[in-house]
Each structure stands twice: as structure tokens, then as C-alpha cells.
Amino acid sequence: MATKEQTVEEKLKALFKLQTIDSKLDEIEILKGELPIEVKDLEDDLAGLETRIGRLRGNVEDIDHEIAKHNANIKEAEMLIERYEKQLDNVKNNREYDALTKEIELQKLEIQLSQKKIGDQEAQKEIKGGALGASETKFETRQKELEVKKVELDKIIEKTTKEENKLKKSSENAAKKIDDRLLKAYRKIRGAYRNGLAVVTVERDACGGCFNRVPPQTVIEISLKKNVIACEQCGRVLIDDIIAGKKVAAEA
């Protein structure tokens, strides 16, 4: 916040200085491009794939357990059939024969049922296994993409971090010299435009932001520096070449 009442010219100079610093910060962000967003999206995608892969692996393990259980049932049924068939050789009457024959048939039905369930489980395993393989392949592809993007981003960050930190500190220092109301308006305007320009010069009687014509009387008022004047079309603060020509280097 400004510590004393400033003239309009001082306010405009302070605003232009802040805009100059912030524009340099914007240039660094442009240099990074979409990489930070792409890295975050890939990381989120990988996290989702990891969860899906874990779930599918669990499904396959459950199916394997079910298949093993049915195979054990078949083995047990076959052992019982073998036992009952041996007992048939020693039956003493028709009732024992019929009972053993019935047990043998029941065990054969049990085998058929288990075999059917194994077939169903194997079909499910094929489906889940296919989905698992596709997810693992996709995970590997995304992982490689992420590694490449991170290397690119890390190189840019390594190159720009020192300058970016210095500019951020300079921006904070410059902002302290602007009163709260004007600073709030400046930041609101900056946020409204992709290029982040809130303070622009009048160039050939046109706004340097939206390029709409600035009335001659307004151009004169801007040169007098008695009021902070905004473009009637885009709302950006307008300054003349004199203010722009007096910009100073960013403070550390």
C-alpha cells in the first residue's frame, strides 16, 4: 500500500512499472506453455490407471481362486467316484448298488457343474485380463509421456527459476507502492485478458490493448496526467509515451 498521497503521474508510473514486471513473469509462463497442465493431467491419468490396474488384478486373482476351488471340487468328486466304483464290486444287494450308482451320478453332475463354472470364470478372466493388459500398456505409454514432459518442464524451470523468483519479489515490492483500490482494479483488469495487459500506451490515437480509437480530447487528458483514465472499450488504464519512456528496471 502506498505510504503517502501520490500524484496521478506517480500512480501511473508505479502501475506501469508493475505491469512491466508482471509482463515479464507472463513471458516465463508462456515459455512453460501448457506443460504444467499437461504434467498434472498425466499424473492424474496415471493415478486413475493405477487404481484401475489394481482393481483388475484383484479381479483376476479372485477368478483364479474360484477356478482353483472348482478344480479342487472336481478332484474330490473324481476321488469319490473312484471309491464308489470300487465299492460296486462288493455290493450285497440292489439297494446298495442303487445307492452307490446314485452317488456316482451325483458326483458326475458335480463335476459337470464345476467344469461349467470354470468355463464361465475363464471367460471372465479373459475379459478382465484383456482390460488389464490394455490398462498396463496405456499406463506405460502415459508414464513415458510424463517423463518426457517433466524433463522439458524441469529444464525450463531450471532456466527460469532464479529470474522468476526475482521478478516475483520485484512485483511484490512494486505492488506495495500502489494504493489498494487501484491495485485491486489493476489485478481485475489483468485477470480479464489472456495477455495480462492492464496498463497500455496510446499508440496513433488508439488503445494499445484493444486498438479501438481514443477520442482526441481523451488523448489530451491522458497527457495532462490529472486523472487515471481507462479505455472506454476495454477498461485498460491508458498512459502516454512519456510515462512509458520512464519505465525503470525491476527492483530486486
C-alpha atoms as a PDB file:
ATOM      1  CA  MET A   1       0.000   0.000   0.000  1.00  0.00           C
ATOM      2  CA  ALA A   2       1.237   3.490  -0.792  1.00  0.00           C
ATOM      3  CA  THR A   3       2.501   5.284   2.336  1.00  0.00           C
ATOM      4  CA  LYS A   4       1.695   8.814   1.145  1.00  0.00           C
ATOM      5  CA  GLU A   5      -0.609  10.579  -1.242  1.00  0.00           C
ATOM      6  CA  GLN A   6       0.749  10.192  -4.758  1.00  0.00           C
ATOM      7  CA  THR A   7       0.296  12.399  -7.760  1.00  0.00           C
ATOM      8  CA  VAL A   8      -1.505  10.884 -10.729  1.00  0.00           C
ATOM      9  CA  GLU A   9       1.777  10.757 -12.598  1.00  0.00           C
ATOM     10  CA  GLU A  10       3.400   8.834  -9.753  1.00  0.00           C
ATOM     11  CA  LYS A  11       0.460   6.413  -9.683  1.00  0.00           C
ATOM     12  CA  LEU A  12       0.732   5.835 -13.415  1.00  0.00           C
ATOM     13  CA  LYS A  13       4.481   5.319 -13.221  1.00  0.00           C
ATOM     14  CA  ALA A  14       4.020   2.828 -10.389  1.00  0.00           C
ATOM     15  CA  LEU A  15       1.315   0.992 -12.336  1.00  0.00           C
ATOM     16  CA  PHE A  16       3.397   0.863 -15.488  1.00  0.00           C
ATOM     17  CA  LYS A  17       6.390  -0.423 -13.551  1.00  0.00           C
ATOM     18  CA  LEU A  18       4.256  -3.185 -12.020  1.00  0.00           C
ATOM     19  CA  GLN A  19       2.818  -4.022 -15.442  1.00  0.00           C
ATOM     20  CA  THR A  20       6.321  -4.273 -16.906  1.00  0.00           C
ATOM     21  CA  ILE A  21       7.419  -6.693 -14.188  1.00  0.00           C
ATOM     22  CA  ASP A  22       4.243  -8.769 -14.394  1.00  0.00           C
ATOM     23  CA  SER A  23       4.521  -8.956 -18.177  1.00  0.00           C
ATOM     24  CA  LYS A  24       7.987 -10.472 -17.791  1.00  0.00           C
ATOM     25  CA  LEU A  25       6.504 -13.042 -15.427  1.00  0.00           C
ATOM     26  CA  ASP A  26       3.840 -13.709 -18.055  1.00  0.00           C
ATOM     27  CA  GLU A  27       6.566 -14.346 -20.616  1.00  0.00           C
ATOM     28  CA  ILE A  28       8.018 -17.056 -18.371  1.00  0.00           C
ATOM     29  CA  GLU A  29       4.589 -18.665 -18.062  1.00  0.00           C
ATOM     30  CA  ILE A  30       4.249 -18.535 -21.848  1.00  0.00           C
ATOM     31  CA  LEU A  31       7.648 -20.223 -22.110  1.00  0.00           C
ATOM     32  CA  LYS A  32       6.342 -23.030 -19.903  1.00  0.00           C
ATOM     33  CA  GLY A  33       3.291 -23.171 -22.134  1.00  0.00           C
ATOM     34  CA  GLU A  34       0.802 -25.918 -21.359  1.00  0.00           C
ATOM     35  CA  LEU A  35       3.472 -28.149 -19.814  1.00  0.00           C
ATOM     36  CA  PRO A  36       2.413 -27.667 -16.160  1.00  0.00           C
ATOM     37  CA  ILE A  37      -1.202 -28.508 -17.054  1.00  0.00           C
ATOM     38  CA  GLU A  38      -0.139 -31.441 -19.228  1.00  0.00           C
ATOM     39  CA  VAL A  39       2.077 -32.824 -16.445  1.00  0.00           C
ATOM     40  CA  LYS A  40      -0.772 -32.518 -13.920  1.00  0.00           C
ATOM     41  CA  ASP A  41      -3.249 -34.177 -16.299  1.00  0.00           C
ATOM     42  CA  LEU A  42      -0.839 -37.052 -16.963  1.00  0.00           C
ATOM     43  CA  GLU A  43      -0.221 -37.515 -13.242  1.00  0.00           C
ATOM     44  CA  ASP A  44      -3.982 -37.649 -12.615  1.00  0.00           C
ATOM     45  CA  ASP A  45      -4.421 -40.069 -15.521  1.00  0.00           C
ATOM     46  CA  LEU A  46      -1.682 -42.339 -14.162  1.00  0.00           C
ATOM     47  CA  ALA A  47      -3.214 -42.305 -10.694  1.00  0.00           C
ATOM     48  CA  GLY A  48      -6.561 -43.348 -12.175  1.00  0.00           C
ATOM     49  CA  LEU A  49      -4.933 -46.078 -14.267  1.00  0.00           C
ATOM     50  CA  GLU A  50      -3.015 -47.351 -11.254  1.00  0.00           C
ATOM     51  CA  THR A  51      -6.270 -47.698  -9.340  1.00  0.00           C
ATOM     52  CA  ARG A  52      -7.921 -49.466 -12.274  1.00  0.00           C
ATOM     53  CA  ILE A  53      -4.964 -51.827 -12.731  1.00  0.00           C
ATOM     54  CA  GLY A  54      -5.017 -52.705  -9.037  1.00  0.00           C
ATOM     55  CA  ARG A  55      -8.745 -53.426  -9.195  1.00  0.00           C
ATOM     56  CA  LEU A  56      -8.395 -55.572 -12.337  1.00  0.00           C
ATOM     57  CA  ARG A  57      -5.511 -57.530 -10.851  1.00  0.00           C
ATOM     58  CA  GLY A  58      -7.662 -58.179  -7.815  1.00  0.00           C
ATOM     59  CA  ASN A  59     -10.474 -59.392 -10.092  1.00  0.00           C
ATOM     60  CA  VAL A  60      -8.122 -61.796 -11.895  1.00  0.00           C
ATOM     61  CA  GLU A  61      -6.814 -63.132  -8.571  1.00  0.00           C
ATOM     62  CA  ASP A  62     -10.378 -63.694  -7.351  1.00  0.00           C
ATOM     63  CA  ILE A  63     -11.205 -65.574 -10.554  1.00  0.00           C
ATOM     64  CA  ASP A  64      -8.093 -67.732 -10.164  1.00  0.00           C
ATOM     65  CA  HIS A  65      -9.194 -68.582  -6.624  1.00  0.00           C
ATOM     66  CA  GLU A  66     -12.638 -69.551  -7.899  1.00  0.00           C
ATOM     67  CA  ILE A  67     -11.161 -71.732 -10.649  1.00  0.00           C
ATOM     68  CA  ALA A  68      -8.836 -73.406  -8.136  1.00  0.00           C
ATOM     69  CA  LYS A  69     -11.806 -74.068  -5.865  1.00  0.00           C
ATOM     70  CA  HIS A  70     -13.814 -75.691  -8.668  1.00  0.00           C
ATOM     71  CA  ASN A  71     -10.792 -77.768  -9.750  1.00  0.00           C
ATOM     72  CA  ALA A  72     -10.494 -78.980  -6.168  1.00  0.00           C
ATOM     73  CA  ASN A  73     -14.208 -79.890  -6.239  1.00  0.00           C
ATOM     74  CA  ILE A  74     -13.654 -81.863  -9.450  1.00  0.00           C
ATOM     75  CA  LYS A  75     -10.689 -83.698  -7.964  1.00  0.00           C
ATOM     76  CA  GLU A  76     -12.649 -84.544  -4.866  1.00  0.00           C
ATOM     77  CA  ALA A  77     -15.616 -85.745  -6.951  1.00  0.00           C
ATOM     78  CA  GLU A  78     -13.326 -87.935  -9.082  1.00  0.00           C
ATOM     79  CA  MET A  79     -11.853 -89.488  -5.962  1.00  0.00           C
ATOM     80  CA  LEU A  80     -15.335 -90.230  -4.647  1.00  0.00           C
ATOM     81  CA  ILE A  81     -16.379 -91.741  -7.973  1.00  0.00           C
ATOM     82  CA  GLU A  82     -13.313 -93.993  -7.925  1.00  0.00           C
ATOM     83  CA  ARG A  83     -14.121 -95.058  -4.379  1.00  0.00           C
ATOM     84  CA  TYR A  84     -17.788 -95.720  -5.142  1.00  0.00           C
ATOM     85  CA  GLU A  85     -16.916 -97.710  -8.273  1.00  0.00           C
ATOM     86  CA  LYS A  86     -14.622 -99.943  -6.228  1.00  0.00           C
ATOM     87  CA  GLN A  87     -17.403-100.419  -3.710  1.00  0.00           C
ATOM     88  CA  LEU A  88     -19.706-101.574  -6.506  1.00  0.00           C
ATOM     89  CA  ASP A  89     -17.636-104.742  -6.792  1.00  0.00           C
ATOM     90  CA  ASN A  90     -18.584-105.671  -3.255  1.00  0.00           C
ATOM     91  CA  VAL A  91     -22.278-104.766  -3.097  1.00  0.00           C
ATOM     92  CA  LYS A  92     -24.506-107.336  -1.474  1.00  0.00           C
ATOM     93  CA  ASN A  93     -27.902-106.229  -2.745  1.00  0.00           C
ATOM     94  CA  ASN A  94     -29.679-103.999  -5.230  1.00  0.00           C
ATOM     95  CA  ARG A  95     -30.311-101.298  -2.658  1.00  0.00           C
ATOM     96  CA  GLU A  96     -26.565-100.782  -2.054  1.00  0.00           C
ATOM     97  CA  TYR A  97     -25.955-100.923  -5.799  1.00  0.00           C
ATOM     98  CA  ASP A  98     -28.600 -98.272  -6.491  1.00  0.00           C
ATOM     99  CA  ALA A  99     -27.303 -96.041  -3.698  1.00  0.00           C
ATOM    100  CA  LEU A 100     -23.732 -96.192  -4.962  1.00  0.00           C
ATOM    101  CA  THR A 101     -24.854 -95.661  -8.571  1.00  0.00           C
ATOM    102  CA  LYS A 102     -26.831 -92.600  -7.470  1.00  0.00           C
ATOM    103  CA  GLU A 103     -23.814 -91.199  -5.623  1.00  0.00           C
ATOM    104  CA  ILE A 104     -21.652 -91.730  -8.690  1.00  0.00           C
ATOM    105  CA  GLU A 105     -24.182 -89.872 -10.872  1.00  0.00           C
ATOM    106  CA  LEU A 106     -24.364 -87.026  -8.340  1.00  0.00           C
ATOM    107  CA  GLN A 107     -20.586 -86.675  -8.354  1.00  0.00           C
ATOM    108  CA  LYS A 108     -20.538 -86.667 -12.159  1.00  0.00           C
ATOM    109  CA  LEU A 109     -23.133 -83.893 -12.111  1.00  0.00           C
ATOM    110  CA  GLU A 110     -20.971 -82.057  -9.582  1.00  0.00           C
ATOM    111  CA  ILE A 111     -18.014 -82.359 -11.977  1.00  0.00           C
ATOM    112  CA  GLN A 112     -20.086 -81.059 -14.897  1.00  0.00           C
ATOM    113  CA  LEU A 113     -21.308 -78.112 -12.814  1.00  0.00           C
ATOM    114  CA  SER A 114     -17.773 -77.262 -11.698  1.00  0.00           C
ATOM    115  CA  GLN A 115     -16.500 -77.550 -15.269  1.00  0.00           C
ATOM    116  CA  LYS A 116     -19.219 -75.155 -16.440  1.00  0.00           C
ATOM    117  CA  LYS A 117     -18.336 -72.680 -13.701  1.00  0.00           C
ATOM    118  CA  ILE A 118     -14.663 -72.985 -14.631  1.00  0.00           C
ATOM    119  CA  GLY A 119     -15.568 -72.176 -18.247  1.00  0.00           C
ATOM    120  CA  ASP A 120     -17.557 -69.145 -17.122  1.00  0.00           C
ATOM    121  CA  GLN A 121     -14.712 -67.983 -14.881  1.00  0.00           C
ATOM    122  CA  GLU A 122     -12.135 -68.449 -17.631  1.00  0.00           C
ATOM    123  CA  ALA A 123     -14.279 -66.361 -19.984  1.00  0.00           C
ATOM    124  CA  GLN A 124     -14.429 -63.623 -17.338  1.00  0.00           C
ATOM    125  CA  LYS A 125     -10.691 -63.935 -16.781  1.00  0.00           C
ATOM    126  CA  GLU A 126     -10.082 -63.424 -20.489  1.00  0.00           C
ATOM    127  CA  ILE A 127     -12.175 -60.258 -20.444  1.00  0.00           C
ATOM    128  CA  LYS A 128     -10.558 -58.913 -17.268  1.00  0.00           C
ATOM    129  CA  GLY A 129      -7.103 -59.962 -18.465  1.00  0.00           C
ATOM    130  CA  GLY A 130      -7.605 -58.117 -21.735  1.00  0.00           C
ATOM    131  CA  ALA A 131      -8.700 -54.991 -19.901  1.00  0.00           C
ATOM    132  CA  LEU A 132      -5.747 -55.359 -17.538  1.00  0.00           C
ATOM    133  CA  GLY A 133      -3.272 -55.702 -20.404  1.00  0.00           C
ATOM    134  CA  ALA A 134      -4.716 -52.662 -22.172  1.00  0.00           C
ATOM    135  CA  SER A 135      -4.569 -50.624 -18.974  1.00  0.00           C
ATOM    136  CA  GLU A 136      -0.987 -51.671 -18.272  1.00  0.00           C
ATOM    137  CA  THR A 137       0.039 -50.760 -21.827  1.00  0.00           C
ATOM    138  CA  LYS A 138      -1.700 -47.405 -21.518  1.00  0.00           C
ATOM    139  CA  PHE A 139      -0.016 -46.850 -18.148  1.00  0.00           C
ATOM    140  CA  GLU A 140       3.420 -47.485 -19.642  1.00  0.00           C
ATOM    141  CA  THR A 141       2.695 -45.116 -22.533  1.00  0.00           C
ATOM    142  CA  ARG A 142       1.445 -42.378 -20.222  1.00  0.00           C
ATOM    143  CA  GLN A 143       4.413 -42.916 -17.913  1.00  0.00           C
ATOM    144  CA  LYS A 144       6.836 -42.362 -20.790  1.00  0.00           C
ATOM    145  CA  GLU A 145       4.905 -39.262 -21.887  1.00  0.00           C
ATOM    146  CA  LEU A 146       5.042 -37.909 -18.335  1.00  0.00           C
ATOM    147  CA  GLU A 147       8.787 -38.485 -18.095  1.00  0.00           C
ATOM    148  CA  VAL A 148       9.346 -36.553 -21.333  1.00  0.00           C
ATOM    149  CA  LYS A 149       7.070 -33.680 -20.253  1.00  0.00           C
ATOM    150  CA  LYS A 150       8.719 -33.491 -16.843  1.00  0.00           C
ATOM    151  CA  VAL A 151      12.177 -33.308 -18.382  1.00  0.00           C
ATOM    152  CA  GLU A 152      11.019 -30.469 -20.653  1.00  0.00           C
ATOM    153  CA  LEU A 153       9.373 -28.625 -17.773  1.00  0.00           C
ATOM    154  CA  ASP A 154      12.305 -29.167 -15.408  1.00  0.00           C
ATOM    155  CA  LYS A 155      14.682 -27.696 -17.995  1.00  0.00           C
ATOM    156  CA  ILE A 156      12.532 -24.584 -18.316  1.00  0.00           C
ATOM    157  CA  ILE A 157      12.112 -24.276 -14.550  1.00  0.00           C
ATOM    158  CA  GLU A 158      15.845 -24.695 -14.001  1.00  0.00           C
ATOM    159  CA  LYS A 159      16.494 -21.994 -16.576  1.00  0.00           C
ATOM    160  CA  THR A 160      13.893 -19.517 -15.321  1.00  0.00           C
ATOM    161  CA  THR A 161      13.525 -20.126 -11.565  1.00  0.00           C
ATOM    162  CA  LYS A 162      16.123 -17.579 -10.489  1.00  0.00           C
ATOM    163  CA  GLU A 163      14.705 -14.879 -12.752  1.00  0.00           C
ATOM    164  CA  GLU A 164      11.114 -15.781 -11.854  1.00  0.00           C
ATOM    165  CA  ASN A 165      11.782 -15.537  -8.106  1.00  0.00           C
ATOM    166  CA  LYS A 166      13.494 -12.200  -8.582  1.00  0.00           C
ATOM    167  CA  LEU A 167      10.588 -10.882 -10.645  1.00  0.00           C
ATOM    168  CA  LYS A 168       8.022 -12.102  -8.118  1.00  0.00           C
ATOM    169  CA  LYS A 169       9.833 -10.237  -5.360  1.00  0.00           C
ATOM    170  CA  SER A 170      10.032  -7.139  -7.547  1.00  0.00           C
ATOM    171  CA  SER A 171       6.306  -7.427  -8.304  1.00  0.00           C
ATOM    172  CA  GLU A 172       5.508  -7.611  -4.600  1.00  0.00           C
ATOM    173  CA  ASN A 173       7.664  -4.556  -3.895  1.00  0.00           C
ATOM    174  CA  ALA A 174       6.128  -2.600  -6.775  1.00  0.00           C
ATOM    175  CA  ALA A 175       2.586  -3.505  -5.657  1.00  0.00           C
ATOM    176  CA  LYS A 176       3.278  -2.044  -2.198  1.00  0.00           C
ATOM    177  CA  LYS A 177       3.676   1.390  -3.812  1.00  0.00           C
ATOM    178  CA  ILE A 178       0.151   1.330  -5.246  1.00  0.00           C
ATOM    179  CA  ASP A 179      -2.949   2.086  -3.201  1.00  0.00           C
ATOM    180  CA  ASP A 180      -5.307  -0.833  -2.574  1.00  0.00           C
ATOM    181  CA  ARG A 181      -8.202   0.405  -4.724  1.00  0.00           C
ATOM    182  CA  LEU A 182      -6.038   0.992  -7.779  1.00  0.00           C
ATOM    183  CA  LEU A 183      -4.131  -2.254  -7.243  1.00  0.00           C
ATOM    184  CA  LYS A 184      -7.384  -4.210  -6.997  1.00  0.00           C
ATOM    185  CA  ALA A 185      -8.618  -2.639 -10.255  1.00  0.00           C
ATOM    186  CA  TYR A 186      -5.295  -3.393 -11.945  1.00  0.00           C
ATOM    187  CA  ARG A 187      -5.413  -7.066 -10.966  1.00  0.00           C
ATOM    188  CA  LYS A 188      -9.037  -7.377 -12.005  1.00  0.00           C
ATOM    189  CA  ILE A 189      -8.244  -5.981 -15.471  1.00  0.00           C
ATOM    190  CA  ARG A 190      -5.167  -8.216 -15.781  1.00  0.00           C
ATOM    191  CA  GLY A 191      -7.255 -11.247 -14.991  1.00  0.00           C
ATOM    192  CA  ALA A 192      -9.798 -10.337 -17.651  1.00  0.00           C
ATOM    193  CA  TYR A 193      -7.361 -10.610 -20.561  1.00  0.00           C
ATOM    194  CA  ARG A 194      -5.199 -13.521 -21.699  1.00  0.00           C
ATOM    195  CA  ASN A 195      -2.220 -11.282 -22.398  1.00  0.00           C
ATOM    196  CA  GLY A 196      -2.412  -9.847 -18.868  1.00  0.00           C
ATOM    197  CA  LEU A 197      -2.182  -6.248 -20.069  1.00  0.00           C
ATOM    198  CA  ALA A 198      -3.922  -3.808 -17.735  1.00  0.00           C
ATOM    199  CA  VAL A 199      -1.791  -0.730 -18.494  1.00  0.00           C
ATOM    200  CA  VAL A 200      -1.167   0.225 -22.127  1.00  0.00           C
ATOM    201  CA  THR A 201       0.052   3.204 -24.102  1.00  0.00           C
ATOM    202  CA  VAL A 202      -1.957   5.185 -26.614  1.00  0.00           C
ATOM    203  CA  GLU A 203      -0.475   4.425 -29.998  1.00  0.00           C
ATOM    204  CA  ARG A 204      -1.544   6.508 -33.011  1.00  0.00           C
ATOM    205  CA  ASP A 205      -4.622   7.689 -31.123  1.00  0.00           C
ATOM    206  CA  ALA A 206      -5.668   4.089 -30.396  1.00  0.00           C
ATOM    207  CA  CYS A 207      -5.703   1.948 -27.269  1.00  0.00           C
ATOM    208  CA  GLY A 208      -2.640  -0.287 -27.152  1.00  0.00           C
ATOM    209  CA  GLY A 209      -4.764  -3.086 -25.744  1.00  0.00           C
ATOM    210  CA  CYS A 210      -7.953  -3.325 -27.814  1.00  0.00           C
ATOM    211  CA  PHE A 211      -6.795  -0.980 -30.642  1.00  0.00           C
ATOM    212  CA  ASN A 212     -10.031   0.984 -30.597  1.00  0.00           C
ATOM    213  CA  ARG A 213      -9.770   4.689 -31.344  1.00  0.00           C
ATOM    214  CA  VAL A 214      -9.242   7.033 -28.386  1.00  0.00           C
ATOM    215  CA  PRO A 215     -11.019  10.399 -28.766  1.00  0.00           C
ATOM    216  CA  PRO A 216      -8.671  13.400 -29.203  1.00  0.00           C
ATOM    217  CA  GLN A 217      -9.961  15.026 -26.014  1.00  0.00           C
ATOM    218  CA  THR A 218      -9.170  11.861 -24.059  1.00  0.00           C
ATOM    219  CA  VAL A 219      -5.655  11.799 -25.533  1.00  0.00           C
ATOM    220  CA  ILE A 220      -5.143  15.337 -24.262  1.00  0.00           C
ATOM    221  CA  GLU A 221      -6.461  14.388 -20.789  1.00  0.00           C
ATOM    222  CA  ILE A 222      -4.056  11.445 -20.687  1.00  0.00           C
ATOM    223  CA  SER A 223      -1.122  13.739 -21.457  1.00  0.00           C
ATOM    224  CA  LEU A 224      -2.165  16.138 -18.670  1.00  0.00           C
ATOM    225  CA  LYS A 225      -1.985  13.317 -16.097  1.00  0.00           C
ATOM    226  CA  LYS A 226      -4.639  14.814 -13.849  1.00  0.00           C
ATOM    227  CA  ASN A 227      -6.690  11.625 -13.667  1.00  0.00           C
ATOM    228  CA  VAL A 228      -6.211   7.910 -14.166  1.00  0.00           C
ATOM    229  CA  ILE A 229      -8.029   7.288 -17.436  1.00  0.00           C
ATOM    230  CA  ALA A 230      -9.272   3.935 -18.707  1.00  0.00           C
ATOM    231  CA  CYS A 231     -10.148   2.906 -22.244  1.00  0.00           C
ATOM    232  CA  GLU A 232     -13.883   3.240 -22.808  1.00  0.00           C
ATOM    233  CA  GLN A 233     -13.907  -0.036 -24.757  1.00  0.00           C
ATOM    234  CA  CYS A 234     -11.703  -2.470 -22.799  1.00  0.00           C
ATOM    235  CA  GLY A 235     -11.202  -0.757 -19.446  1.00  0.00           C
ATOM    236  CA  ARG A 236      -7.388  -0.828 -19.566  1.00  0.00           C
ATOM    237  CA  VAL A 237      -5.503   2.061 -17.975  1.00  0.00           C
ATOM    238  CA  LEU A 238      -4.144   4.373 -20.669  1.00  0.00           C
ATOM    239  CA  ILE A 239      -0.768   6.119 -20.447  1.00  0.00           C
ATOM    240  CA  ASP A 240       1.274   8.234 -22.834  1.00  0.00           C
ATOM    241  CA  ASP A 241       4.753   7.654 -24.229  1.00  0.00           C
ATOM    242  CA  ILE A 242       6.289   9.887 -21.590  1.00  0.00           C
ATOM    243  CA  ILE A 243       5.227   7.579 -18.758  1.00  0.00           C
ATOM    244  CA  ALA A 244       6.197   4.553 -20.812  1.00  0.00           C
ATOM    245  CA  GLY A 245       9.567   6.066 -21.628  1.00  0.00           C
ATOM    246  CA  LYS A 246      10.343   6.498 -17.951  1.00  0.00           C
ATOM    247  CA  LYS A 247       9.989   2.817 -17.017  1.00  0.00           C
ATOM    248  CA  VAL A 248      12.734   1.641 -14.732  1.00  0.00           C
ATOM    249  CA  ALA A 249      14.403  -1.685 -14.228  1.00  0.00           C
ATOM    250  CA  ALA A 250      12.697  -4.111 -11.873  1.00  0.00           C
ATOM    251  CA  GLU A 251      13.878  -3.880  -8.299  1.00  0.00           C
ATOM    252  CA  ALA A 252      15.416  -6.961  -6.719  1.00  0.00           C
END
